[in-house]
Amino acid sequence: MIFILLHNTTMKFNIPDNDFVQPEFDYNSNVKLEKIVIIVSTPRSGSTWLSDILYRSGICLPHEYFQPFQYMPFLFNVWNCNDKNKIEEDYVNNLIKHRTSSVGVLGINLHGSHLPLFMKYWPYFPSVDTVFIHLTRRDKIKQAVSYYHASVSGEWSEHYAKNNDSIAFNFKLIKNRLNKIQHWEAVSLAFFYKYKINFDSIVYEDLVVDPVLYLKKYGVSDFQSKLNRQSDIKKEELYEKFIDMFWGNNSLK
């Protein structure tokens, strides 16, 4: 099933030309892999922004390389990973080949929902220094609203076309996104504890105040990002409506 999905050459990926997954961002540096930086996150937690900082700082280029709906199928086709007998090994080898930076670092952005699939590929990675960053967002309601907005509009980053006009308030769907965020954060913690993984915790709201303070241990010495953090009036309206209704539904219970 997964193999069929990943190798469906008729799929329309709907990925912007300037998305970091595009081949033009491949390093192809022929540098030996020395370190892996893995961001474990949830949708709309700021992981794309964090990835951009690491990339602009010359460290690595984290991306959702194990997102099975668009990015993995796209890369399987670009890298011609077509041997179903060694699908995992082939993909990992190409990922290392094309995405290891000039300083020998591979970055990966894993959402909690990607972890089960990632574990099928993990045995094929070489044994190198691996750092895990658990990125969370303190305001889960604002994150859920942003998740809902992106899901409906298709505006997952500033690279995607804006489409605010059709975004109607939907309490049930925003609550669904909130539940998903909380669930996959719990799964991420279970993953860390199950495999006895040491990880660094970074909170998005703290990171935006002083990125260098929290990222200097990874080699960031200056704040560099060309991505704008997304915020607009429509999201604020959805946020306020959800808070009012959520509180109203629970305040007397």
Protein backbone atom coordinates (compact mmCIF):
# COMPACT_ATOMS: atom_id res chain seq x y z
CA MET A 1 0.00 0.00 0.00
CA ILE A 2 2.73 2.45 0.99
CA PHE A 3 4.87 1.41 -1.97
CA ILE A 4 1.97 2.05 -4.37
CA LEU A 5 1.35 5.48 -2.85
CA LEU A 6 5.02 6.46 -2.97
CA HIS A 7 5.43 5.36 -6.57
CA ASN A 8 2.27 6.77 -8.09
CA THR A 9 3.76 8.80 -10.93
CA THR A 10 0.34 10.22 -11.85
CA MET A 11 0.03 12.09 -8.56
CA LYS A 12 -0.23 15.86 -8.60
CA PHE A 13 2.01 16.99 -5.79
CA ASN A 14 0.96 20.65 -5.65
CA ILE A 15 4.33 21.68 -4.24
CA PRO A 16 5.54 25.27 -4.84
CA ASP A 17 8.63 25.73 -6.99
CA ASN A 18 10.49 27.40 -4.13
CA ASP A 19 9.68 24.71 -1.55
CA PHE A 20 12.85 23.31 0.04
CA VAL A 21 11.97 19.80 -1.16
CA GLN A 22 12.68 20.79 -4.76
CA PRO A 23 15.85 19.32 -6.37
CA GLU A 24 17.44 22.76 -6.70
CA PHE A 25 17.98 22.67 -2.92
CA ASP A 26 19.87 19.36 -2.99
CA TYR A 27 23.37 19.70 -1.58
CA ASN A 28 25.02 16.86 -3.51
CA SER A 29 28.13 17.84 -1.57
CA ASN A 30 29.72 14.36 -1.43
CA VAL A 31 30.52 15.08 2.21
CA LYS A 32 30.44 12.18 4.67
CA LEU A 33 27.46 12.21 7.01
CA GLU A 34 28.68 13.08 10.49
CA LYS A 35 25.53 14.17 12.29
CA ILE A 36 21.74 14.00 12.07
CA VAL A 37 19.48 16.71 13.52
CA ILE A 38 15.89 15.55 13.92
CA ILE A 39 13.13 18.02 14.75
CA VAL A 40 10.10 16.25 16.21
CA SER A 41 7.11 18.55 15.93
CA THR A 42 3.42 18.90 15.11
CA PRO A 43 1.72 20.91 12.33
CA ARG A 44 1.94 24.69 12.78
CA SER A 45 4.45 24.48 15.62
CA GLY A 46 7.04 26.63 13.85
CA SER A 47 9.14 23.74 12.54
CA THR A 48 9.32 25.17 9.00
CA TRP A 49 10.60 28.44 10.41
CA LEU A 50 13.16 26.61 12.57
CA SER A 51 14.24 24.57 9.54
CA ASP A 52 14.72 27.78 7.55
CA ILE A 53 16.98 29.22 10.25
CA LEU A 54 19.14 26.09 10.28
CA TYR A 55 19.36 26.19 6.49
CA ARG A 56 20.22 29.91 6.25
CA SER A 57 22.85 29.37 8.95
CA GLY A 58 24.59 26.78 6.78
CA ILE A 59 23.98 23.88 9.14
CA CYS A 60 21.46 21.60 7.43
CA LEU A 61 18.13 21.58 5.61
CA PRO A 62 15.45 19.85 7.68
CA HIS A 63 12.26 18.99 5.84
CA GLU A 64 9.30 16.63 6.16
CA TYR A 65 11.14 13.86 4.34
CA PHE A 66 8.82 11.24 5.88
CA GLN A 67 5.50 12.90 5.07
CA PRO A 68 3.89 10.18 2.90
CA PHE A 69 1.23 12.19 1.07
CA GLN A 70 3.26 14.65 -1.00
CA TYR A 71 6.92 14.93 -0.09
CA MET A 72 7.95 11.28 0.05
CA PRO A 73 6.19 10.33 -3.22
CA PHE A 74 7.73 13.40 -4.84
CA LEU A 75 11.24 12.48 -3.70
CA PHE A 76 10.82 8.82 -4.61
CA ASN A 77 10.13 9.92 -8.16
CA VAL A 78 12.84 12.58 -8.30
CA TRP A 79 15.47 10.21 -6.91
CA ASN A 80 14.17 7.23 -8.89
CA CYS A 81 13.80 4.96 -5.86
CA ASN A 82 12.01 2.14 -7.66
CA ASP A 83 13.33 -1.12 -6.23
CA LYS A 84 10.52 -2.37 -4.00
CA ASN A 85 12.81 -5.05 -2.55
CA LYS A 86 14.96 -2.41 -0.86
CA ILE A 87 12.64 0.56 -0.76
CA GLU A 88 13.70 1.78 2.68
CA GLU A 89 17.44 1.42 2.09
CA ASP A 90 17.23 3.09 -1.31
CA TYR A 91 15.34 6.08 0.03
CA VAL A 92 17.64 6.57 3.03
CA ASN A 93 20.76 6.35 0.85
CA ASN A 94 19.37 8.98 -1.52
CA LEU A 95 18.29 11.19 1.36
CA ILE A 96 21.82 11.11 2.77
CA LYS A 97 23.37 11.63 -0.66
CA HIS A 98 21.27 14.62 -1.66
CA ARG A 99 20.55 16.26 1.69
CA THR A 100 23.74 15.99 3.72
CA SER A 101 25.04 19.54 4.03
CA SER A 102 28.54 20.76 3.25
CA VAL A 103 29.35 20.49 6.97
CA GLY A 104 28.20 16.86 7.11
CA VAL A 105 24.80 17.33 8.75
CA LEU A 106 21.45 15.87 7.68
CA GLY A 107 18.34 17.59 9.03
CA ILE A 108 14.92 15.93 9.27
CA ASN A 109 11.61 17.46 10.34
CA LEU A 110 9.33 14.75 11.72
CA HIS A 111 5.78 15.42 12.77
CA GLY A 112 4.55 13.02 15.41
CA SER A 113 2.30 11.45 12.79
CA HIS A 114 5.37 10.59 10.68
CA LEU A 115 7.05 8.57 13.43
CA PRO A 116 5.49 5.13 12.71
CA LEU A 117 6.62 5.32 9.08
CA PHE A 118 10.00 6.77 10.01
CA MET A 119 10.71 3.78 12.25
CA LYS A 120 10.58 1.48 9.22
CA TYR A 121 13.45 3.47 7.70
CA TRP A 122 15.47 4.21 10.82
CA PRO A 123 17.47 0.91 10.80
CA TYR A 124 18.97 1.91 7.43
CA PHE A 125 20.59 5.08 8.75
CA PRO A 126 24.27 4.83 9.72
CA SER A 127 25.24 5.07 13.35
CA VAL A 128 26.27 8.71 13.72
CA ASP A 129 25.77 11.45 16.28
CA THR A 130 22.02 12.14 16.32
CA VAL A 131 20.36 15.10 18.03
CA PHE A 132 16.61 15.27 18.68
CA ILE A 133 14.79 18.58 19.15
CA HIS A 134 11.22 18.42 20.46
CA LEU A 135 9.53 21.60 19.24
CA THR A 136 6.19 22.49 20.78
CA ARG A 137 3.93 25.49 20.89
CA ARG A 138 2.70 26.82 24.21
CA ASP A 139 -0.58 28.23 22.87
CA LYS A 140 -2.19 25.02 21.63
CA ILE A 141 -5.44 26.77 20.72
CA LYS A 142 -3.69 29.26 18.45
CA GLN A 143 -1.77 26.36 16.93
CA ALA A 144 -5.01 24.45 16.31
CA VAL A 145 -6.57 27.48 14.62
CA SER A 146 -3.51 27.86 12.40
CA TYR A 147 -3.64 24.12 11.60
CA TYR A 148 -7.31 24.38 10.65
CA HIS A 149 -6.69 27.50 8.56
CA ALA A 150 -3.86 25.85 6.63
CA SER A 151 -5.85 22.64 6.13
CA VAL A 152 -8.78 24.49 4.59
CA SER A 153 -6.87 27.15 2.64
CA GLY A 154 -3.91 25.03 1.55
CA GLU A 155 -1.62 27.84 2.74
CA TRP A 156 0.97 25.76 4.59
CA SER A 157 3.67 28.42 4.29
CA GLU A 158 4.19 31.78 2.62
CA HIS A 159 5.18 29.89 -0.53
CA TYR A 160 1.57 28.83 -1.03
CA ALA A 161 -1.06 31.17 -2.49
CA LYS A 162 -3.18 33.03 0.04
CA ASN A 163 -6.83 31.99 0.20
CA ASN A 164 -8.50 33.64 3.17
CA ASP A 165 -11.88 34.38 1.61
CA SER A 166 -13.28 30.86 1.91
CA ILE A 167 -12.23 30.19 5.52
CA ALA A 168 -15.38 29.87 7.59
CA PHE A 169 -15.41 29.27 11.33
CA ASN A 170 -15.92 25.62 12.24
CA PHE A 171 -15.71 24.83 15.93
CA LYS A 172 -15.79 21.06 15.46
CA LEU A 173 -12.91 20.99 12.98
CA ILE A 174 -10.73 23.33 15.04
CA LYS A 175 -11.37 21.15 18.10
CA ASN A 176 -10.40 18.15 15.97
CA ARG A 177 -7.08 19.80 15.12
CA LEU A 178 -6.51 20.57 18.79
CA ASN A 179 -7.08 16.91 19.67
CA LYS A 180 -4.68 15.80 16.93
CA ILE A 181 -1.93 18.11 18.16
CA GLN A 182 -2.28 16.85 21.72
CA HIS A 183 -2.39 13.22 20.57
CA TRP A 184 0.72 13.41 18.39
CA GLU A 185 2.67 15.30 21.04
CA ALA A 186 1.89 12.42 23.41
CA VAL A 187 3.01 9.94 20.74
CA SER A 188 6.26 11.89 20.33
CA LEU A 189 6.96 11.72 24.05
CA ALA A 190 6.15 8.01 24.07
CA PHE A 191 8.66 7.58 21.23
CA PHE A 192 11.38 9.36 23.20
CA TYR A 193 10.72 7.39 26.38
CA LYS A 194 10.23 4.03 24.65
CA TYR A 195 13.61 4.22 22.92
CA LYS A 196 15.35 6.07 25.77
CA ILE A 197 16.18 9.02 23.53
CA ASN A 198 17.67 12.16 25.01
CA PHE A 199 16.08 15.25 23.48
CA ASP A 200 16.15 19.01 23.74
CA SER A 201 12.82 20.76 24.33
CA ILE A 202 12.23 24.09 22.60
CA VAL A 203 9.02 26.09 22.88
CA TYR A 204 8.11 28.12 19.80
CA GLU A 205 7.04 31.21 21.74
CA ASP A 206 10.46 31.30 23.44
CA LEU A 207 12.33 30.61 20.23
CA VAL A 208 10.87 33.60 18.39
CA VAL A 209 12.04 35.97 21.14
CA ASP A 210 15.71 34.96 20.87
CA PRO A 211 16.47 32.28 18.25
CA VAL A 212 20.24 32.45 18.76
CA LEU A 213 19.92 31.79 22.50
CA TYR A 214 18.16 28.49 21.89
CA LEU A 215 20.00 27.44 18.74
CA LYS A 216 23.62 28.43 19.38
CA LYS A 217 24.42 24.91 20.59
CA TYR A 218 23.52 23.70 17.09
CA GLY A 219 25.80 26.23 15.41
CA VAL A 220 23.47 29.21 14.90
CA SER A 221 25.43 32.37 15.66
CA ASP A 222 23.19 34.91 13.96
CA PHE A 223 19.45 35.04 13.30
CA GLN A 224 18.83 34.36 9.64
CA SER A 225 15.48 33.47 8.09
CA LYS A 226 13.75 34.58 4.92
CA LEU A 227 10.42 33.09 5.95
CA ASN A 228 7.89 35.38 7.57
CA ARG A 229 5.99 34.01 10.52
CA GLN A 230 2.39 33.76 9.38
CA SER A 231 -0.21 35.82 11.19
CA ASP A 232 -3.30 37.59 9.93
CA ILE A 233 -6.60 39.09 10.99
CA LYS A 234 -8.62 36.09 9.81
CA LYS A 235 -6.77 33.72 12.11
CA GLU A 236 -7.25 36.11 15.01
CA GLU A 237 -11.00 36.16 14.34
CA LEU A 238 -11.15 32.36 14.29
CA TYR A 239 -9.07 32.24 17.46
CA GLU A 240 -11.36 34.60 19.38
CA LYS A 241 -14.51 32.79 18.23
CA PHE A 242 -13.13 29.41 19.22
CA ILE A 243 -12.08 30.59 22.67
CA ASP A 244 -15.51 32.09 23.32
CA MET A 245 -17.34 28.95 22.24
CA PHE A 246 -14.92 26.53 23.89
CA TRP A 247 -15.16 28.37 27.20
CA GLY A 248 -18.93 28.63 26.88
CA ASN A 249 -19.24 24.89 26.33
CA ASN A 250 -17.07 24.00 29.31
CA SER A 251 -17.38 26.78 31.90
CA LEU A 252 -20.52 25.36 33.54
CA LYS A 253 -19.50 21.68 33.47
